[in-house]
């Protein structure tokens, strides 16, 4: 019976012995939904001393990740037995009681511990995407720093310190986080996030800004104007004109721009003609 339900697409196998109704995965972010289904299935089978961690914990906390994990991460203080499931990555280390919370009925690393684990294991970009969102959710930056200070010499600590230093709770999306990092890597000074600008239409909040240069940057995850409804385009144009009237220059970014850093760098130079850029190509990778 189970094999037939899987064959006809009614059920989807998410991990050995675990299946979900296919309709639960009919969402925009199918991969994220599938990863959460795997995590939920494993969560019901975990022993009391095993805790969901890393990007798996980030998903449970509702945080964005640079890449959706295809395996489930857990932390345990004992060595995994032989023949352990290939879809589970087990990290052997001790956690303090403050590092563990119960979320959605399963044991998961705290928000701060999740930030630190991701910062140590992921690229700087991947870590910042998680850290930005976690800080915005209320994660304690100082507690994250103390956790890192308690792990001297451990692999990934140096990268994690850089990640935490670059993290900013002003980012409202993963795209904004990545745009900020790309601009810093191109050589711009670190921008201010969520910059308030008074205009005749009211106060607008720009994603990023360099007030001394009167330059703002906006990340648009929806794509090019041609792909947007006419009323959205008109409203954005009115907003942009209002900003220009106040003497600001606007650098508008899309995900396509982030995929072409050399083209973006040329645009940045045109926007900041008097500013000498200091490229940092290895900063955030």
C-alpha atoms as a PDB file:
ATOM      1  CA  UNK A   1       0.000   0.000   0.000  1.00  0.00           C
ATOM      2  CA  UNK A   2       2.745   2.478   0.955  1.00  0.00           C
ATOM      3  CA  UNK A   3       4.693   1.734  -2.233  1.00  0.00           C
ATOM      4  CA  UNK A   4       1.583   2.374  -4.292  1.00  0.00           C
ATOM      5  CA  UNK A   5       0.922   5.728  -2.601  1.00  0.00           C
ATOM      6  CA  UNK A   6       4.504   6.787  -3.288  1.00  0.00           C
ATOM      7  CA  UNK A   7       4.308   5.572  -6.884  1.00  0.00           C
ATOM      8  CA  UNK A   8       1.172   7.524  -7.691  1.00  0.00           C
ATOM      9  CA  UNK A   9       2.494  10.694  -6.021  1.00  0.00           C
ATOM     10  CA  UNK A  10       0.074  10.746  -3.094  1.00  0.00           C
ATOM     11  CA  UNK A  11       2.889  10.391  -0.571  1.00  0.00           C
ATOM     12  CA  UNK A  12       6.488  11.601  -0.672  1.00  0.00           C
ATOM     13  CA  UNK A  13       9.273   9.752   1.107  1.00  0.00           C
ATOM     14  CA  UNK A  14      11.272  12.302   3.110  1.00  0.00           C
ATOM     15  CA  UNK A  15      13.644   9.907   4.871  1.00  0.00           C
ATOM     16  CA  UNK A  16      13.838   6.160   5.576  1.00  0.00           C
ATOM     17  CA  UNK A  17      10.504   5.062   7.011  1.00  0.00           C
ATOM     18  CA  UNK A  18       8.951   8.539   6.908  1.00  0.00           C
ATOM     19  CA  UNK A  19       6.414   9.823   4.389  1.00  0.00           C
ATOM     20  CA  UNK A  20       4.286  12.960   4.039  1.00  0.00           C
ATOM     21  CA  UNK A  21       1.216  13.844   2.037  1.00  0.00           C
ATOM     22  CA  UNK A  22       2.448  15.372  -1.238  1.00  0.00           C
ATOM     23  CA  UNK A  23       0.017  18.278  -0.903  1.00  0.00           C
ATOM     24  CA  UNK A  24       1.958  19.567   2.128  1.00  0.00           C
ATOM     25  CA  UNK A  25       4.908  20.256  -0.181  1.00  0.00           C
ATOM     26  CA  UNK A  26       2.899  22.254  -2.722  1.00  0.00           C
ATOM     27  CA  UNK A  27       4.374  25.595  -1.670  1.00  0.00           C
ATOM     28  CA  UNK A  28       6.593  28.202  -3.332  1.00  0.00           C
ATOM     29  CA  UNK A  29       9.720  27.014  -1.548  1.00  0.00           C
ATOM     30  CA  UNK A  30       9.419  23.280  -2.133  1.00  0.00           C
ATOM     31  CA  UNK A  31      12.966  22.466  -1.028  1.00  0.00           C
ATOM     32  CA  UNK A  32      12.571  24.267   2.278  1.00  0.00           C
ATOM     33  CA  UNK A  33       9.259  22.501   2.930  1.00  0.00           C
ATOM     34  CA  UNK A  34      10.872  19.151   2.135  1.00  0.00           C
ATOM     35  CA  UNK A  35      13.786  19.881   4.486  1.00  0.00           C
ATOM     36  CA  UNK A  36      11.361  20.810   7.270  1.00  0.00           C
ATOM     37  CA  UNK A  37       9.432  17.599   6.667  1.00  0.00           C
ATOM     38  CA  UNK A  38      12.661  15.609   7.056  1.00  0.00           C
ATOM     39  CA  UNK A  39      13.486  17.473  10.248  1.00  0.00           C
ATOM     40  CA  UNK A  40      10.011  16.872  11.661  1.00  0.00           C
ATOM     41  CA  UNK A  41      10.217  13.171  10.827  1.00  0.00           C
ATOM     42  CA  UNK A  42      13.602  12.820  12.504  1.00  0.00           C
ATOM     43  CA  UNK A  43      12.529  14.933  15.461  1.00  0.00           C
ATOM     44  CA  UNK A  44      10.032  12.293  16.547  1.00  0.00           C
ATOM     45  CA  UNK A  45      12.822   9.686  16.673  1.00  0.00           C
ATOM     46  CA  UNK A  46      15.549  11.612  18.520  1.00  0.00           C
ATOM     47  CA  UNK A  47      16.801  10.488  21.901  1.00  0.00           C
ATOM     48  CA  UNK A  48      16.688  12.899  24.836  1.00  0.00           C
ATOM     49  CA  UNK A  49      20.370  13.812  24.508  1.00  0.00           C
ATOM     50  CA  UNK A  50      20.276  14.633  20.784  1.00  0.00           C
ATOM     51  CA  UNK A  51      19.511  18.178  19.623  1.00  0.00           C
ATOM     52  CA  UNK A  52      18.673  19.560  16.173  1.00  0.00           C
ATOM     53  CA  UNK A  53      21.346  22.059  15.161  1.00  0.00           C
ATOM     54  CA  UNK A  54      23.097  24.162  12.504  1.00  0.00           C
ATOM     55  CA  UNK A  55      21.032  24.972   9.397  1.00  0.00           C
ATOM     56  CA  UNK A  56      18.368  22.473  10.481  1.00  0.00           C
ATOM     57  CA  UNK A  57      17.876  24.504  13.646  1.00  0.00           C
ATOM     58  CA  UNK A  58      17.864  27.679  11.554  1.00  0.00           C
ATOM     59  CA  UNK A  59      14.961  26.322   9.495  1.00  0.00           C
ATOM     60  CA  UNK A  60      13.024  25.455  12.639  1.00  0.00           C
ATOM     61  CA  UNK A  61      13.593  28.973  13.943  1.00  0.00           C
ATOM     62  CA  UNK A  62      12.186  30.292  10.665  1.00  0.00           C
ATOM     63  CA  UNK A  63      15.496  31.821   9.604  1.00  0.00           C
ATOM     64  CA  UNK A  64      16.621  32.034   5.977  1.00  0.00           C
ATOM     65  CA  UNK A  65      19.585  29.977   4.835  1.00  0.00           C
ATOM     66  CA  UNK A  66      21.837  30.570   1.854  1.00  0.00           C
ATOM     67  CA  UNK A  67      21.241  27.002   0.699  1.00  0.00           C
ATOM     68  CA  UNK A  68      18.529  24.653   1.846  1.00  0.00           C
ATOM     69  CA  UNK A  69      20.155  21.714   3.651  1.00  0.00           C
ATOM     70  CA  UNK A  70      19.701  18.294   2.082  1.00  0.00           C
ATOM     71  CA  UNK A  71      20.704  16.561   5.316  1.00  0.00           C
ATOM     72  CA  UNK A  72      19.562  17.071   8.893  1.00  0.00           C
ATOM     73  CA  UNK A  73      22.091  18.274  11.464  1.00  0.00           C
ATOM     74  CA  UNK A  74      22.061  17.185  15.095  1.00  0.00           C
ATOM     75  CA  UNK A  75      24.396  17.619  18.061  1.00  0.00           C
ATOM     76  CA  UNK A  76      25.088  14.830  20.526  1.00  0.00           C
ATOM     77  CA  UNK A  77      27.793  14.300  23.128  1.00  0.00           C
ATOM     78  CA  UNK A  78      28.468  10.667  22.240  1.00  0.00           C
ATOM     79  CA  UNK A  79      29.963   9.059  19.165  1.00  0.00           C
ATOM     80  CA  UNK A  80      27.400   7.902  16.605  1.00  0.00           C
ATOM     81  CA  UNK A  81      26.948   4.184  16.295  1.00  0.00           C
ATOM     82  CA  UNK A  82      28.009   2.477  13.085  1.00  0.00           C
ATOM     83  CA  UNK A  83      25.392   2.281  10.366  1.00  0.00           C
ATOM     84  CA  UNK A  84      23.924   5.686  11.240  1.00  0.00           C
ATOM     85  CA  UNK A  85      21.511   7.224   8.719  1.00  0.00           C
ATOM     86  CA  UNK A  86      23.277   8.888   5.763  1.00  0.00           C
ATOM     87  CA  UNK A  87      20.754  11.741   5.728  1.00  0.00           C
ATOM     88  CA  UNK A  88      21.768  12.842   9.237  1.00  0.00           C
ATOM     89  CA  UNK A  89      24.992  14.697  10.088  1.00  0.00           C
ATOM     90  CA  UNK A  90      25.917  14.167  13.733  1.00  0.00           C
ATOM     91  CA  UNK A  91      28.186  16.690  15.470  1.00  0.00           C
ATOM     92  CA  UNK A  92      29.838  15.396  18.614  1.00  0.00           C
ATOM     93  CA  UNK A  93      30.105  18.119  21.262  1.00  0.00           C
ATOM     94  CA  UNK A  94      28.706  19.144  24.615  1.00  0.00           C
ATOM     95  CA  UNK A  95      25.964  21.738  24.964  1.00  0.00           C
ATOM     96  CA  UNK A  96      25.139  23.739  28.068  1.00  0.00           C
ATOM     97  CA  UNK A  97      21.505  23.844  29.245  1.00  0.00           C
ATOM     98  CA  UNK A  98      21.301  27.425  27.947  1.00  0.00           C
ATOM     99  CA  UNK A  99      22.171  26.196  24.455  1.00  0.00           C
ATOM    100  CA  UNK A 100      19.042  24.032  24.166  1.00  0.00           C
ATOM    101  CA  UNK A 101      15.366  24.966  23.905  1.00  0.00           C
ATOM    102  CA  UNK A 102      12.200  23.121  22.936  1.00  0.00           C
ATOM    103  CA  UNK A 103      10.722  24.456  19.706  1.00  0.00           C
ATOM    104  CA  UNK A 104       7.704  22.966  17.950  1.00  0.00           C
ATOM    105  CA  UNK A 105       7.927  20.053  20.373  1.00  0.00           C
ATOM    106  CA  UNK A 106      11.533  19.094  19.593  1.00  0.00           C
ATOM    107  CA  UNK A 107      14.869  19.927  21.192  1.00  0.00           C
ATOM    108  CA  UNK A 108      16.801  22.461  19.154  1.00  0.00           C
ATOM    109  CA  UNK A 109      19.800  24.705  19.716  1.00  0.00           C
ATOM    110  CA  UNK A 110      19.077  28.191  21.047  1.00  0.00           C
ATOM    111  CA  UNK A 111      18.949  31.122  18.658  1.00  0.00           C
ATOM    112  CA  UNK A 112      22.453  32.232  19.680  1.00  0.00           C
ATOM    113  CA  UNK A 113      23.933  28.743  19.498  1.00  0.00           C
ATOM    114  CA  UNK A 114      22.348  28.291  16.071  1.00  0.00           C
ATOM    115  CA  UNK A 115      24.005  31.504  14.870  1.00  0.00           C
ATOM    116  CA  UNK A 116      27.400  30.366  16.157  1.00  0.00           C
ATOM    117  CA  UNK A 117      27.138  26.839  14.733  1.00  0.00           C
ATOM    118  CA  UNK A 118      26.111  28.149  11.313  1.00  0.00           C
ATOM    119  CA  UNK A 119      28.819  30.820  11.381  1.00  0.00           C
ATOM    120  CA  UNK A 120      31.460  28.171  12.091  1.00  0.00           C
ATOM    121  CA  UNK A 121      30.223  25.622   9.564  1.00  0.00           C
ATOM    122  CA  UNK A 122      28.957  27.746   6.665  1.00  0.00           C
ATOM    123  CA  UNK A 123      30.647  30.286   4.407  1.00  0.00           C
ATOM    124  CA  UNK A 124      30.736  33.861   5.675  1.00  0.00           C
ATOM    125  CA  UNK A 125      27.830  34.692   3.377  1.00  0.00           C
ATOM    126  CA  UNK A 126      25.821  31.727   4.580  1.00  0.00           C
ATOM    127  CA  UNK A 127      26.565  32.592   8.190  1.00  0.00           C
ATOM    128  CA  UNK A 128      25.638  36.252   7.780  1.00  0.00           C
ATOM    129  CA  UNK A 129      22.291  35.389   6.166  1.00  0.00           C
ATOM    130  CA  UNK A 130      21.419  33.362   9.276  1.00  0.00           C
ATOM    131  CA  UNK A 131      22.960  35.819  11.754  1.00  0.00           C
ATOM    132  CA  UNK A 132      21.237  38.906  10.301  1.00  0.00           C
ATOM    133  CA  UNK A 133      17.822  37.283  10.596  1.00  0.00           C
ATOM    134  CA  UNK A 134      18.538  35.865  14.050  1.00  0.00           C
ATOM    135  CA  UNK A 135      19.661  39.244  15.392  1.00  0.00           C
ATOM    136  CA  UNK A 136      16.513  40.778  13.959  1.00  0.00           C
ATOM    137  CA  UNK A 137      14.540  38.080  15.805  1.00  0.00           C
ATOM    138  CA  UNK A 138      16.206  39.102  19.070  1.00  0.00           C
ATOM    139  CA  UNK A 139      19.340  36.966  19.304  1.00  0.00           C
ATOM    140  CA  UNK A 140      21.866  38.420  21.754  1.00  0.00           C
ATOM    141  CA  UNK A 141      25.025  39.431  19.875  1.00  0.00           C
ATOM    142  CA  UNK A 142      27.086  39.500  23.076  1.00  0.00           C
ATOM    143  CA  UNK A 143      26.018  35.987  23.990  1.00  0.00           C
ATOM    144  CA  UNK A 144      27.062  34.837  20.501  1.00  0.00           C
ATOM    145  CA  UNK A 145      30.452  36.478  21.069  1.00  0.00           C
ATOM    146  CA  UNK A 146      30.822  34.772  24.459  1.00  0.00           C
ATOM    147  CA  UNK A 147      30.026  31.405  22.914  1.00  0.00           C
ATOM    148  CA  UNK A 148      32.738  31.947  20.308  1.00  0.00           C
ATOM    149  CA  UNK A 149      35.193  33.061  22.985  1.00  0.00           C
ATOM    150  CA  UNK A 150      34.615  29.752  24.775  1.00  0.00           C
ATOM    151  CA  UNK A 151      35.826  27.801  21.710  1.00  0.00           C
ATOM    152  CA  UNK A 152      39.427  28.968  21.152  1.00  0.00           C
ATOM    153  CA  UNK A 153      41.229  27.107  18.411  1.00  0.00           C
ATOM    154  CA  UNK A 154      38.186  25.255  17.164  1.00  0.00           C
ATOM    155  CA  UNK A 155      37.807  24.951  13.411  1.00  0.00           C
ATOM    156  CA  UNK A 156      35.720  27.757  11.940  1.00  0.00           C
ATOM    157  CA  UNK A 157      36.029  30.163  14.885  1.00  0.00           C
ATOM    158  CA  UNK A 158      38.016  32.804  12.972  1.00  0.00           C
ATOM    159  CA  UNK A 159      35.487  32.784  10.132  1.00  0.00           C
ATOM    160  CA  UNK A 160      32.643  32.904  12.648  1.00  0.00           C
ATOM    161  CA  UNK A 161      34.101  35.999  14.338  1.00  0.00           C
ATOM    162  CA  UNK A 162      34.198  37.763  10.974  1.00  0.00           C
ATOM    163  CA  UNK A 163      30.642  36.621  10.295  1.00  0.00           C
ATOM    164  CA  UNK A 164      29.387  38.012  13.593  1.00  0.00           C
ATOM    165  CA  UNK A 165      31.259  41.268  12.997  1.00  0.00           C
ATOM    166  CA  UNK A 166      29.590  41.666   9.586  1.00  0.00           C
ATOM    167  CA  UNK A 167      26.102  40.722  10.811  1.00  0.00           C
ATOM    168  CA  UNK A 168      23.492  43.489  10.975  1.00  0.00           C
ATOM    169  CA  UNK A 169      19.980  43.234  12.360  1.00  0.00           C
ATOM    170  CA  UNK A 170      18.776  45.865   9.893  1.00  0.00           C
ATOM    171  CA  UNK A 171      18.582  43.399   7.004  1.00  0.00           C
ATOM    172  CA  UNK A 172      14.971  42.428   6.318  1.00  0.00           C
ATOM    173  CA  UNK A 173      15.702  39.580   3.897  1.00  0.00           C
ATOM    174  CA  UNK A 174      18.456  37.247   2.796  1.00  0.00           C
ATOM    175  CA  UNK A 175      18.691  39.263  -0.416  1.00  0.00           C
ATOM    176  CA  UNK A 176      19.419  42.447   1.528  1.00  0.00           C
ATOM    177  CA  UNK A 177      22.102  40.614   3.505  1.00  0.00           C
ATOM    178  CA  UNK A 178      23.774  39.372   0.324  1.00  0.00           C
ATOM    179  CA  UNK A 179      23.518  42.779  -1.360  1.00  0.00           C
ATOM    180  CA  UNK A 180      25.227  44.424   1.609  1.00  0.00           C
ATOM    181  CA  UNK A 181      28.046  41.877   1.587  1.00  0.00           C
ATOM    182  CA  UNK A 182      28.526  42.179  -2.175  1.00  0.00           C
ATOM    183  CA  UNK A 183      28.874  45.955  -1.932  1.00  0.00           C
ATOM    184  CA  UNK A 184      31.373  45.665   0.919  1.00  0.00           C
ATOM    185  CA  UNK A 185      33.346  43.124  -1.095  1.00  0.00           C
ATOM    186  CA  UNK A 186      33.392  45.460  -4.094  1.00  0.00           C
ATOM    187  CA  UNK A 187      35.106  47.967  -1.832  1.00  0.00           C
ATOM    188  CA  UNK A 188      32.457  50.273  -0.397  1.00  0.00           C
ATOM    189  CA  UNK A 189      32.485  51.211   3.283  1.00  0.00           C
ATOM    190  CA  UNK A 190      29.970  49.300   5.357  1.00  0.00           C
ATOM    191  CA  UNK A 191      26.582  50.868   4.776  1.00  0.00           C
ATOM    192  CA  UNK A 192      24.028  51.951   7.316  1.00  0.00           C
ATOM    193  CA  UNK A 193      20.915  49.772   7.193  1.00  0.00           C
ATOM    194  CA  UNK A 194      17.324  51.020   7.165  1.00  0.00           C
ATOM    195  CA  UNK A 195      18.171  54.658   6.441  1.00  0.00           C
ATOM    196  CA  UNK A 196      15.284  57.118   7.047  1.00  0.00           C
ATOM    197  CA  UNK A 197      14.883  59.780   4.349  1.00  0.00           C
ATOM    198  CA  UNK A 198      12.399  62.642   4.600  1.00  0.00           C
ATOM    199  CA  UNK A 199      10.674  63.563   1.328  1.00  0.00           C
ATOM    200  CA  UNK A 200       7.594  65.518   0.286  1.00  0.00           C
ATOM    201  CA  UNK A 201       5.783  62.162   0.111  1.00  0.00           C
ATOM    202  CA  UNK A 202       6.726  61.284   3.694  1.00  0.00           C
ATOM    203  CA  UNK A 203       9.523  59.299   5.296  1.00  0.00           C
ATOM    204  CA  UNK A 204      11.018  56.468   3.279  1.00  0.00           C
ATOM    205  CA  UNK A 205      13.323  53.811   4.670  1.00  0.00           C
ATOM    206  CA  UNK A 206      16.080  52.699   2.336  1.00  0.00           C
ATOM    207  CA  UNK A 207      17.610  49.240   2.711  1.00  0.00           C
ATOM    208  CA  UNK A 208      21.178  50.566   2.707  1.00  0.00           C
ATOM    209  CA  UNK A 209      22.788  53.971   2.681  1.00  0.00           C
ATOM    210  CA  UNK A 210      25.922  56.065   2.891  1.00  0.00           C
ATOM    211  CA  UNK A 211      24.531  59.367   4.228  1.00  0.00           C
ATOM    212  CA  UNK A 212      27.855  61.223   3.884  1.00  0.00           C
ATOM    213  CA  UNK A 213      27.823  60.486   0.135  1.00  0.00           C
ATOM    214  CA  UNK A 214      24.040  60.959  -0.176  1.00  0.00           C
ATOM    215  CA  UNK A 215      23.762  57.514  -1.753  1.00  0.00           C
ATOM    216  CA  UNK A 216      21.117  54.875  -1.067  1.00  0.00           C
ATOM    217  CA  UNK A 217      20.882  51.269  -2.208  1.00  0.00           C
ATOM    218  CA  UNK A 218      17.721  49.220  -2.519  1.00  0.00           C
ATOM    219  CA  UNK A 219      17.477  45.474  -3.065  1.00  0.00           C
ATOM    220  CA  UNK A 220      14.483  44.327  -5.082  1.00  0.00           C
ATOM    221  CA  UNK A 221      13.974  40.582  -4.840  1.00  0.00           C
ATOM    222  CA  UNK A 222      11.050  40.694  -7.262  1.00  0.00           C
ATOM    223  CA  UNK A 223      13.275  41.264 -10.285  1.00  0.00           C
ATOM    224  CA  UNK A 224      13.243  43.768 -13.116  1.00  0.00           C
ATOM    225  CA  UNK A 225      10.538  46.386 -13.557  1.00  0.00           C
ATOM    226  CA  UNK A 226       9.310  44.605 -16.687  1.00  0.00           C
ATOM    227  CA  UNK A 227       8.210  41.694 -14.508  1.00  0.00           C
ATOM    228  CA  UNK A 228       6.211  43.841 -12.070  1.00  0.00           C
ATOM    229  CA  UNK A 229       2.618  45.151 -12.158  1.00  0.00           C
ATOM    230  CA  UNK A 230       2.241  48.663 -13.568  1.00  0.00           C
ATOM    231  CA  UNK A 231       0.992  50.158 -10.292  1.00  0.00           C
ATOM    232  CA  UNK A 232       4.070  48.851  -8.458  1.00  0.00           C
ATOM    233  CA  UNK A 233       6.381  50.339 -11.081  1.00  0.00           C
ATOM    234  CA  UNK A 234       4.609  53.718 -10.898  1.00  0.00           C
ATOM    235  CA  UNK A 235       4.777  53.805  -7.098  1.00  0.00           C
ATOM    236  CA  UNK A 236       8.470  52.900  -7.110  1.00  0.00           C
ATOM    237  CA  UNK A 237       9.138  55.643  -9.679  1.00  0.00           C
ATOM    238  CA  UNK A 238       7.344  58.252  -7.538  1.00  0.00           C
ATOM    239  CA  UNK A 239       9.358  57.144  -4.534  1.00  0.00           C
ATOM    240  CA  UNK A 240      12.616  57.302  -6.468  1.00  0.00           C
ATOM    241  CA  UNK A 241      11.816  60.784  -7.812  1.00  0.00           C
ATOM    242  CA  UNK A 242      11.078  61.973  -4.274  1.00  0.00           C
ATOM    243  CA  UNK A 243      14.459  60.695  -3.096  1.00  0.00           C
ATOM    244  CA  UNK A 244      16.261  62.327  -6.034  1.00  0.00           C
ATOM    245  CA  UNK A 245      14.523  65.628  -5.243  1.00  0.00           C
ATOM    246  CA  UNK A 246      16.211  65.526  -1.837  1.00  0.00           C
ATOM    247  CA  UNK A 247      19.646  65.183  -3.415  1.00  0.00           C
ATOM    248  CA  UNK A 248      20.079  61.428  -2.955  1.00  0.00           C
ATOM    249  CA  UNK A 249      21.418  59.045  -5.577  1.00  0.00           C
ATOM    250  CA  UNK A 250      19.860  55.598  -5.728  1.00  0.00           C
ATOM    251  CA  UNK A 251      21.563  52.316  -6.538  1.00  0.00           C
ATOM    252  CA  UNK A 252      18.916  49.696  -7.243  1.00  0.00           C
ATOM    253  CA  UNK A 253      19.980  46.043  -7.007  1.00  0.00           C
ATOM    254  CA  UNK A 254      18.394  42.760  -8.059  1.00  0.00           C
ATOM    255  CA  UNK A 255      19.461  39.154  -7.659  1.00  0.00           C
ATOM    256  CA  UNK A 256      20.700  39.290 -11.257  1.00  0.00           C
ATOM    257  CA  UNK A 257      23.075  42.102 -10.278  1.00  0.00           C
ATOM    258  CA  UNK A 258      24.485  40.045  -7.415  1.00  0.00           C
ATOM    259  CA  UNK A 259      25.263  37.242  -9.861  1.00  0.00           C
ATOM    260  CA  UNK A 260      27.409  39.608 -11.973  1.00  0.00           C
ATOM    261  CA  UNK A 261      29.813  41.285  -9.534  1.00  0.00           C
ATOM    262  CA  UNK A 262      32.046  42.812 -12.231  1.00  0.00           C
ATOM    263  CA  UNK A 263      29.082  44.560 -13.853  1.00  0.00           C
ATOM    264  CA  UNK A 264      27.844  45.682 -10.442  1.00  0.00           C
ATOM    265  CA  UNK A 265      31.304  47.027  -9.564  1.00  0.00           C
ATOM    266  CA  UNK A 266      31.247  49.207 -12.688  1.00  0.00           C
ATOM    267  CA  UNK A 267      27.848  50.600 -11.687  1.00  0.00           C
ATOM    268  CA  UNK A 268      29.130  51.312  -8.186  1.00  0.00           C
ATOM    269  CA  UNK A 269      32.107  53.249  -9.575  1.00  0.00           C
ATOM    270  CA  UNK A 270      29.756  55.392 -11.653  1.00  0.00           C
ATOM    271  CA  UNK A 271      27.567  56.029  -8.624  1.00  0.00           C
ATOM    272  CA  UNK A 272      30.513  56.840  -6.341  1.00  0.00           C
ATOM    273  CA  UNK A 273      32.843  58.693  -8.763  1.00  0.00           C
ATOM    274  CA  UNK A 274      34.771  60.479  -5.998  1.00  0.00           C
ATOM    275  CA  UNK A 275      35.166  57.466  -3.723  1.00  0.00           C
ATOM    276  CA  UNK A 276      38.200  55.211  -4.029  1.00  0.00           C
ATOM    277  CA  UNK A 277      37.099  51.597  -3.784  1.00  0.00           C
ATOM    278  CA  UNK A 278      39.207  49.033  -1.954  1.00  0.00           C
ATOM    279  CA  UNK A 279      38.040  45.640  -3.275  1.00  0.00           C
ATOM    280  CA  UNK A 280      37.989  42.802  -0.758  1.00  0.00           C
ATOM    281  CA  UNK A 281      37.328  39.801  -3.046  1.00  0.00           C
ATOM    282  CA  UNK A 282      38.030  37.148  -0.421  1.00  0.00           C
ATOM    283  CA  UNK A 283      36.211  38.819   2.448  1.00  0.00           C
ATOM    284  CA  UNK A 284      32.890  37.037   2.443  1.00  0.00           C
ATOM    285  CA  UNK A 285      33.510  33.664   0.777  1.00  0.00           C
END
